[in-house]
Amino acid sequence: ILVGIENPFQGKLTSEQLRKIFSGKVTNWSQ
């Protein structure tokens, strides 16, 4: 699971968060 080197997100994801991102339920990095 990739982001650009300049992406300010420094955290990690759970499989549930990943599913919500790619299903369109999570749309902002703040979530």
PDB file of all heavy atoms in Angstrom:
ATOM      1  N   ILE A   1       0.871  -1.169   0.000  1.00  0.00           N
ATOM      2  CA  ILE A   1       0.000   0.000   0.000  1.00  0.00           C
ATOM      3  C   ILE A   1       0.912   1.224   0.000  1.00  0.00           C
ATOM      4  O   ILE A   1       1.669   1.435   0.948  1.00  0.00           O
ATOM      5  CB  ILE A   1      -0.919   0.015   1.237  1.00  0.00           C
ATOM      6  CG1 ILE A   1      -1.630  -1.331   1.383  1.00  0.00           C
ATOM      7  CG2 ILE A   1      -1.909   1.168   1.130  1.00  0.00           C
ATOM      8  CD1 ILE A   1      -2.424  -1.751   0.168  1.00  0.00           C
ATOM      9  N   LEU A   2       0.837   2.019  -1.052  1.00  0.00           N
ATOM     10  CA  LEU A   2       1.834   3.063  -1.283  1.00  0.00           C
ATOM     11  C   LEU A   2       1.276   4.472  -1.160  1.00  0.00           C
ATOM     12  O   LEU A   2       0.125   4.732  -1.527  1.00  0.00           O
ATOM     13  CB  LEU A   2       2.433   2.915  -2.684  1.00  0.00           C
ATOM     14  CG  LEU A   2       3.112   1.600  -3.030  1.00  0.00           C
ATOM     15  CD1 LEU A   2       3.645   1.663  -4.447  1.00  0.00           C
ATOM     16  CD2 LEU A   2       4.226   1.281  -2.050  1.00  0.00           C
ATOM     17  N   VAL A   3       2.127   5.371  -0.660  1.00  0.00           N
ATOM     18  CA  VAL A   3       1.890   6.812  -0.726  1.00  0.00           C
ATOM     19  C   VAL A   3       3.180   7.455  -1.228  1.00  0.00           C
ATOM     20  O   VAL A   3       4.250   6.847  -1.186  1.00  0.00           O
ATOM     21  CB  VAL A   3       1.503   7.409   0.642  1.00  0.00           C
ATOM     22  CG1 VAL A   3       0.171   6.850   1.124  1.00  0.00           C
ATOM     23  CG2 VAL A   3       2.601   7.172   1.680  1.00  0.00           C
ATOM     24  N   GLY A   4       3.071   8.688  -1.710  1.00  0.00           N
ATOM     25  CA  GLY A   4       4.262   9.422  -2.144  1.00  0.00           C
ATOM     26  C   GLY A   4       5.117   9.821  -0.964  1.00  0.00           C
ATOM     27  O   GLY A   4       4.629   9.966   0.169  1.00  0.00           O
ATOM     28  N   ILE A   5       6.404   9.999  -1.210  1.00  0.00           N
ATOM     29  CA  ILE A   5       7.333  10.325  -0.131  1.00  0.00           C
ATOM     30  C   ILE A   5       6.996  11.654   0.529  1.00  0.00           C
ATOM     31  O   ILE A   5       7.318  11.880   1.705  1.00  0.00           O
ATOM     32  CB  ILE A   5       8.792  10.331  -0.672  1.00  0.00           C
ATOM     33  CG1 ILE A   5       9.796  10.276   0.470  1.00  0.00           C
ATOM     34  CG2 ILE A   5       9.033  11.517  -1.579  1.00  0.00           C
ATOM     35  CD1 ILE A   5       9.801   8.979   1.222  1.00  0.00           C
ATOM     36  N   GLU A   6       6.300  12.543  -0.190  1.00  0.00           N
ATOM     37  CA  GLU A   6       5.941  13.848   0.362  1.00  0.00           C
ATOM     38  C   GLU A   6       4.557  13.862   1.014  1.00  0.00           C
ATOM     39  O   GLU A   6       4.107  14.894   1.495  1.00  0.00           O
ATOM     40  CB  GLU A   6       6.006  14.903  -0.739  1.00  0.00           C
ATOM     41  CG  GLU A   6       7.405  15.113  -1.305  1.00  0.00           C
ATOM     42  CD  GLU A   6       7.443  16.164  -2.399  1.00  0.00           C
ATOM     43  OE1 GLU A   6       6.370  16.672  -2.765  1.00  0.00           O
ATOM     44  OE2 GLU A   6       8.546  16.471  -2.889  1.00  0.00           O
ATOM     45  N   ASN A   7       3.901  12.745   1.053  1.00  0.00           N
ATOM     46  CA  ASN A   7       2.595  12.667   1.710  1.00  0.00           C
ATOM     47  C   ASN A   7       2.783  12.874   3.209  1.00  0.00           C
ATOM     48  O   ASN A   7       3.599  12.191   3.836  1.00  0.00           O
ATOM     49  CB  ASN A   7       1.959  11.299   1.435  1.00  0.00           C
ATOM     50  CG  ASN A   7       0.499  11.239   1.846  1.00  0.00           C
ATOM     51  OD1 ASN A   7       0.112  11.653   2.926  1.00  0.00           O
ATOM     52  ND2 ASN A   7      -0.330  10.696   0.960  1.00  0.00           N
ATOM     53  N   PRO A   8       2.063  13.810   3.829  1.00  0.00           N
ATOM     54  CA  PRO A   8       2.257  14.084   5.255  1.00  0.00           C
ATOM     55  C   PRO A   8       1.763  12.965   6.169  1.00  0.00           C
ATOM     56  O   PRO A   8       2.085  12.969   7.365  1.00  0.00           O
ATOM     57  CB  PRO A   8       1.451  15.368   5.485  1.00  0.00           C
ATOM     58  CG  PRO A   8       0.457  15.401   4.385  1.00  0.00           C
ATOM     59  CD  PRO A   8       1.110  14.744   3.212  1.00  0.00           C
ATOM     60  N   PHE A   9       1.011  12.010   5.659  1.00  0.00           N
ATOM     61  CA  PHE A   9       0.510  10.923   6.511  1.00  0.00           C
ATOM     62  C   PHE A   9       1.660  10.009   6.904  1.00  0.00           C
ATOM     63  O   PHE A   9       2.322   9.414   6.062  1.00  0.00           O
ATOM     64  CB  PHE A   9      -0.561  10.123   5.776  1.00  0.00           C
ATOM     65  CG  PHE A   9      -1.135   8.992   6.594  1.00  0.00           C
ATOM     66  CD1 PHE A   9      -2.016   9.251   7.631  1.00  0.00           C
ATOM     67  CD2 PHE A   9      -0.790   7.668   6.334  1.00  0.00           C
ATOM     68  CE1 PHE A   9      -2.549   8.220   8.397  1.00  0.00           C
ATOM     69  CE2 PHE A   9      -1.316   6.633   7.083  1.00  0.00           C
ATOM     70  CZ  PHE A   9      -2.195   6.912   8.122  1.00  0.00           C
ATOM     71  N   GLN A  10       1.905   9.900   8.199  1.00  0.00           N
ATOM     72  CA  GLN A  10       3.002   9.088   8.708  1.00  0.00           C
ATOM     73  C   GLN A  10       2.507   7.895   9.522  1.00  0.00           C
ATOM     74  O   GLN A  10       3.302   7.234  10.196  1.00  0.00           O
ATOM     75  CB  GLN A  10       3.925   9.955   9.578  1.00  0.00           C
ATOM     76  CG  GLN A  10       4.591  11.099   8.839  1.00  0.00           C
ATOM     77  CD  GLN A  10       5.594  10.618   7.810  1.00  0.00           C
ATOM     78  OE1 GLN A  10       6.263   9.598   8.014  1.00  0.00           O
ATOM     79  NE2 GLN A  10       5.712  11.338   6.698  1.00  0.00           N
ATOM     80  N   GLY A  11       1.240   7.637   9.472  1.00  0.00           N
ATOM     81  CA  GLY A  11       0.661   6.584  10.290  1.00  0.00           C
ATOM     82  C   GLY A  11       0.647   5.232   9.607  1.00  0.00           C
ATOM     83  O   GLY A  11       1.375   4.980   8.653  1.00  0.00           O
ATOM     84  N   LYS A  12      -0.215   4.380  10.110  1.00  0.00           N
ATOM     85  CA  LYS A  12      -0.400   3.039   9.556  1.00  0.00           C
ATOM     86  C   LYS A  12      -1.890   2.809   9.370  1.00  0.00           C
ATOM     87  O   LYS A  12      -2.730   3.546   9.904  1.00  0.00           O
ATOM     88  CB  LYS A  12       0.195   1.988  10.491  1.00  0.00           C
ATOM     89  CG  LYS A  12      -0.325   2.069  11.921  1.00  0.00           C
ATOM     90  CD  LYS A  12       0.459   1.165  12.842  1.00  0.00           C
ATOM     91  CE  LYS A  12      -0.042   1.314  14.281  1.00  0.00           C
ATOM     92  NZ  LYS A  12       0.755   0.494  15.226  1.00  0.00           N
ATOM     93  N   LEU A  13      -2.215   1.787   8.605  1.00  0.00           N
ATOM     94  CA  LEU A  13      -3.609   1.486   8.326  1.00  0.00           C
ATOM     95  C   LEU A  13      -3.974   0.105   8.835  1.00  0.00           C
ATOM     96  O   LEU A  13      -3.134  -0.802   8.860  1.00  0.00           O
ATOM     97  CB  LEU A  13      -3.883   1.549   6.820  1.00  0.00           C
ATOM     98  CG  LEU A  13      -3.724   2.895   6.117  1.00  0.00           C
ATOM     99  CD1 LEU A  13      -3.939   2.725   4.621  1.00  0.00           C
ATOM    100  CD2 LEU A  13      -4.680   3.934   6.692  1.00  0.00           C
ATOM    101  N   THR A  14      -5.226  -0.027   9.242  1.00  0.00           N
ATOM    102  CA  THR A  14      -5.773  -1.354   9.518  1.00  0.00           C
ATOM    103  C   THR A  14      -6.448  -1.852   8.246  1.00  0.00           C
ATOM    104  O   THR A  14      -6.740  -1.079   7.332  1.00  0.00           O
ATOM    105  CB  THR A  14      -6.794  -1.308  10.660  1.00  0.00           C
ATOM    106  OG1 THR A  14      -7.937  -0.541  10.232  1.00  0.00           O
ATOM    107  CG2 THR A  14      -6.196  -0.670  11.908  1.00  0.00           C
ATOM    108  N   SER A  15      -6.716  -3.142   8.198  1.00  0.00           N
ATOM    109  CA  SER A  15      -7.392  -3.675   7.019  1.00  0.00           C
ATOM    110  C   SER A  15      -8.793  -3.077   6.868  1.00  0.00           C
ATOM    111  O   SER A  15      -9.271  -2.884   5.751  1.00  0.00           O
ATOM    112  CB  SER A  15      -7.459  -5.201   7.076  1.00  0.00           C
ATOM    113  OG  SER A  15      -7.772  -5.668   8.351  1.00  0.00           O
ATOM    114  N   GLU A  16      -9.438  -2.756   7.994  1.00  0.00           N
ATOM    115  CA  GLU A  16     -10.763  -2.142   7.914  1.00  0.00           C
ATOM    116  C   GLU A  16     -10.678  -0.733   7.333  1.00  0.00           C
ATOM    117  O   GLU A  16     -11.519  -0.335   6.510  1.00  0.00           O
ATOM    118  CB  GLU A  16     -11.399  -2.096   9.304  1.00  0.00           C
ATOM    119  CG  GLU A  16     -12.778  -1.470   9.352  1.00  0.00           C
ATOM    120  CD  GLU A  16     -13.825  -2.266   8.576  1.00  0.00           C
ATOM    121  OE1 GLU A  16     -13.579  -3.452   8.269  1.00  0.00           O
ATOM    122  OE2 GLU A  16     -14.888  -1.699   8.271  1.00  0.00           O
ATOM    123  N   GLN A  17      -9.672   0.024   7.747  1.00  0.00           N
ATOM    124  CA  GLN A  17      -9.482   1.366   7.181  1.00  0.00           C
ATOM    125  C   GLN A  17      -9.174   1.282   5.691  1.00  0.00           C
ATOM    126  O   GLN A  17      -9.677   2.088   4.893  1.00  0.00           O
ATOM    127  CB  GLN A  17      -8.349   2.082   7.920  1.00  0.00           C
ATOM    128  CG  GLN A  17      -8.700   2.504   9.335  1.00  0.00           C
ATOM    129  CD  GLN A  17      -7.494   3.032  10.093  1.00  0.00           C
ATOM    130  OE1 GLN A  17      -6.360   2.586   9.898  1.00  0.00           O
ATOM    131  NE2 GLN A  17      -7.734   3.996  10.976  1.00  0.00           N
ATOM    132  N   LEU A  18      -8.357   0.313   5.306  1.00  0.00           N
ATOM    133  CA  LEU A  18      -8.020   0.151   3.887  1.00  0.00           C
ATOM    134  C   LEU A  18      -9.275  -0.155   3.078  1.00  0.00           C
ATOM    135  O   LEU A  18      -9.474   0.397   1.992  1.00  0.00           O
ATOM    136  CB  LEU A  18      -7.004  -0.978   3.728  1.00  0.00           C
ATOM    137  CG  LEU A  18      -6.446  -1.184   2.319  1.00  0.00           C
ATOM    138  CD1 LEU A  18      -5.609   0.014   1.884  1.00  0.00           C
ATOM    139  CD2 LEU A  18      -5.615  -2.467   2.259  1.00  0.00           C
ATOM    140  N   ARG A  19     -10.121  -1.021   3.591  1.00  0.00           N
ATOM    141  CA  ARG A  19     -11.362  -1.354   2.895  1.00  0.00           C
ATOM    142  C   ARG A  19     -12.249  -0.124   2.748  1.00  0.00           C
ATOM    143  O   ARG A  19     -12.839   0.101   1.680  1.00  0.00           O
ATOM    144  CB  ARG A  19     -12.114  -2.454   3.647  1.00  0.00           C
ATOM    145  CG  ARG A  19     -13.429  -2.847   2.971  1.00  0.00           C
ATOM    146  CD  ARG A  19     -14.052  -4.054   3.601  1.00  0.00           C
ATOM    147  NE  ARG A  19     -14.481  -3.794   4.973  1.00  0.00           N
ATOM    148  CZ  ARG A  19     -15.067  -4.694   5.755  1.00  0.00           C
ATOM    149  NH1 ARG A  19     -15.263  -5.930   5.303  1.00  0.00           N
ATOM    150  NH2 ARG A  19     -15.431  -4.387   6.981  1.00  0.00           N
ATOM    151  N   LYS A  20     -12.333   0.685   3.785  1.00  0.00           N
ATOM    152  CA  LYS A  20     -13.183   1.881   3.720  1.00  0.00           C
ATOM    153  C   LYS A  20     -12.632   2.912   2.742  1.00  0.00           C
ATOM    154  O   LYS A  20     -13.394   3.606   2.062  1.00  0.00           O
ATOM    155  CB  LYS A  20     -13.342   2.485   5.111  1.00  0.00           C
ATOM    156  CG  LYS A  20     -14.218   1.656   6.031  1.00  0.00           C
ATOM    157  CD  LYS A  20     -14.398   2.321   7.392  1.00  0.00           C
ATOM    158  CE  LYS A  20     -15.351   1.508   8.278  1.00  0.00           C
ATOM    159  NZ  LYS A  20     -15.526   2.139   9.608  1.00  0.00           N
ATOM    160  N   ILE A  21     -11.306   3.017   2.662  1.00  0.00           N
ATOM    161  CA  ILE A  21     -10.705   3.955   1.707  1.00  0.00           C
ATOM    162  C   ILE A  21     -11.027   3.538   0.277  1.00  0.00           C
ATOM    163  O   ILE A  21     -11.487   4.340  -0.542  1.00  0.00           O
ATOM    164  CB  ILE A  21      -9.177   4.041   1.916  1.00  0.00           C
ATOM    165  CG1 ILE A  21      -8.859   4.778   3.222  1.00  0.00           C
ATOM    166  CG2 ILE A  21      -8.509   4.752   0.736  1.00  0.00           C
ATOM    167  CD1 ILE A  21      -7.391   4.748   3.597  1.00  0.00           C
ATOM    168  N   PHE A  22     -10.812   2.268  -0.044  1.00  0.00           N
ATOM    169  CA  PHE A  22     -10.970   1.833  -1.429  1.00  0.00           C
ATOM    170  C   PHE A  22     -12.426   1.529  -1.801  1.00  0.00           C
ATOM    171  O   PHE A  22     -12.724   1.351  -2.985  1.00  0.00           O
ATOM    172  CB  PHE A  22     -10.054   0.648  -1.716  1.00  0.00           C
ATOM    173  CG  PHE A  22      -8.637   1.072  -1.983  1.00  0.00           C
ATOM    174  CD1 PHE A  22      -7.729   1.213  -0.948  1.00  0.00           C
ATOM    175  CD2 PHE A  22      -8.217   1.370  -3.263  1.00  0.00           C
ATOM    176  CE1 PHE A  22      -6.428   1.632  -1.185  1.00  0.00           C
ATOM    177  CE2 PHE A  22      -6.925   1.792  -3.516  1.00  0.00           C
ATOM    178  CZ  PHE A  22      -6.021   1.933  -2.479  1.00  0.00           C
ATOM    179  N   SER A  23     -13.317   1.502  -0.829  1.00  0.00           N
ATOM    180  CA  SER A  23     -14.738   1.410  -1.146  1.00  0.00           C
ATOM    181  C   SER A  23     -15.386   2.791  -1.205  1.00  0.00           C
ATOM    182  O   SER A  23     -16.568   2.912  -1.533  1.00  0.00           O
ATOM    183  CB  SER A  23     -15.464   0.550  -0.108  1.00  0.00           C
ATOM    184  OG  SER A  23     -15.402   1.141   1.176  1.00  0.00           O
ATOM    185  N   GLY A  24     -14.582   3.841  -0.890  1.00  0.00           N
ATOM    186  CA  GLY A  24     -15.074   5.209  -0.991  1.00  0.00           C
ATOM    187  C   GLY A  24     -15.754   5.726   0.255  1.00  0.00           C
ATOM    188  O   GLY A  24     -16.314   6.826   0.246  1.00  0.00           O
ATOM    189  N   LYS A  25     -15.705   4.982   1.377  1.00  0.00           N
ATOM    190  CA  LYS A  25     -16.363   5.417   2.602  1.00  0.00           C
ATOM    191  C   LYS A  25     -15.497   6.369   3.429  1.00  0.00           C
ATOM    192  O   LYS A  25     -16.011   7.138   4.231  1.00  0.00           O
ATOM    193  CB  LYS A  25     -16.761   4.207   3.443  1.00  0.00           C
ATOM    194  CG  LYS A  25     -17.810   3.322   2.766  1.00  0.00           C
ATOM    195  CD  LYS A  25     -18.135   2.104   3.597  1.00  0.00           C
ATOM    196  CE  LYS A  25     -19.174   1.230   2.897  1.00  0.00           C
ATOM    197  NZ  LYS A  25     -19.478  -0.004   3.674  1.00  0.00           N
ATOM    198  N   VAL A  26     -14.185   6.276   3.252  1.00  0.00           N
ATOM    199  CA  VAL A  26     -13.247   7.211   3.876  1.00  0.00           C
ATOM    200  C   VAL A  26     -12.603   8.014   2.759  1.00  0.00           C
ATOM    201  O   VAL A  26     -12.009   7.440   1.845  1.00  0.00           O
ATOM    202  CB  VAL A  26     -12.181   6.466   4.698  1.00  0.00           C
ATOM    203  CG1 VAL A  26     -11.028   7.399   5.062  1.00  0.00           C
ATOM    204  CG2 VAL A  26     -12.793   5.872   5.963  1.00  0.00           C
ATOM    205  N   THR A  27     -12.713   9.329   2.828  1.00  0.00           N
ATOM    206  CA  THR A  27     -12.277  10.175   1.717  1.00  0.00           C
ATOM    207  C   THR A  27     -11.245  11.226   2.111  1.00  0.00           C
ATOM    208  O   THR A  27     -10.781  11.971   1.257  1.00  0.00           O
ATOM    209  CB  THR A  27     -13.485  10.886   1.093  1.00  0.00           C
ATOM    210  OG1 THR A  27     -14.129  11.688   2.102  1.00  0.00           O
ATOM    211  CG2 THR A  27     -14.489   9.877   0.538  1.00  0.00           C
ATOM    212  N   ASN A  28     -10.907  11.293   3.392  1.00  0.00           N
ATOM    213  CA  ASN A  28      -9.967  12.310   3.855  1.00  0.00           C
ATOM    214  C   ASN A  28      -8.951  11.672   4.791  1.00  0.00           C
ATOM    215  O   ASN A  28      -9.302  10.811   5.610  1.00  0.00           O
ATOM    216  CB  ASN A  28     -10.718  13.433   4.573  1.00  0.00           C
ATOM    217  CG  ASN A  28      -9.873  14.697   4.707  1.00  0.00           C
ATOM    218  OD1 ASN A  28      -8.934  14.750   5.490  1.00  0.00           O
ATOM    219  ND2 ASN A  28     -10.222  15.717   3.925  1.00  0.00           N
ATOM    220  N   TRP A  29      -7.690  12.097   4.663  1.00  0.00           N
ATOM    221  CA  TRP A  29      -6.638  11.529   5.501  1.00  0.00           C
ATOM    222  C   TRP A  29      -6.882  11.776   6.987  1.00  0.00           C
ATOM    223  O   TRP A  29      -6.421  11.008   7.837  1.00  0.00           O
ATOM    224  CB  TRP A  29      -5.274  12.091   5.096  1.00  0.00           C
ATOM    225  CG  TRP A  29      -4.758  11.515   3.816  1.00  0.00           C
ATOM    226  CD1 TRP A  29      -4.685  12.123   2.596  1.00  0.00           C
ATOM    227  CD2 TRP A  29      -4.252  10.189   3.620  1.00  0.00           C
ATOM    228  NE1 TRP A  29      -4.166  11.274   1.647  1.00  0.00           N
ATOM    229  CE2 TRP A  29      -3.891  10.064   2.246  1.00  0.00           C
ATOM    230  CE3 TRP A  29      -4.069   9.092   4.465  1.00  0.00           C
ATOM    231  CZ2 TRP A  29      -3.351   8.897   1.718  1.00  0.00           C
ATOM    232  CZ3 TRP A  29      -3.543   7.921   3.935  1.00  0.00           C
ATOM    233  CH2 TRP A  29      -3.193   7.836   2.573  1.00  0.00           C
ATOM    234  N   SER A  30      -7.621  12.824   7.325  1.00  0.00           N
ATOM    235  CA  SER A  30      -7.915  13.106   8.735  1.00  0.00           C
ATOM    236  C   SER A  30      -8.768  12.010   9.360  1.00  0.00           C
ATOM    237  O   SER A  30      -8.764  11.821  10.578  1.00  0.00           O
ATOM    238  CB  SER A  30      -8.617  14.451   8.868  1.00  0.00           C
ATOM    239  OG  SER A  30      -9.864  14.436   8.194  1.00  0.00           O
ATOM    240  N   GLN A  31      -9.492  11.252   8.552  1.00  0.00           N
ATOM    241  CA  GLN A  31     -10.352  10.184   9.058  1.00  0.00           C
ATOM    242  C   GLN A  31      -9.559   8.947   9.494  1.00  0.00           C
ATOM    243  O   GLN A  31     -10.118   8.059  10.148  1.00  0.00           O
ATOM    244  CB  GLN A  31     -11.377   9.785   7.990  1.00  0.00           C
ATOM    245  CG  GLN A  31     -12.386  10.877   7.667  1.00  0.00           C
ATOM    246  CD  GLN A  31     -13.296  10.487   6.508  1.00  0.00           C
ATOM    247  OE1 GLN A  31     -13.019  10.801   5.350  1.00  0.00           O
ATOM    248  NE2 GLN A  31     -14.373   9.796   6.819  1.00  0.00           N
TER     249      GLN A  31
END
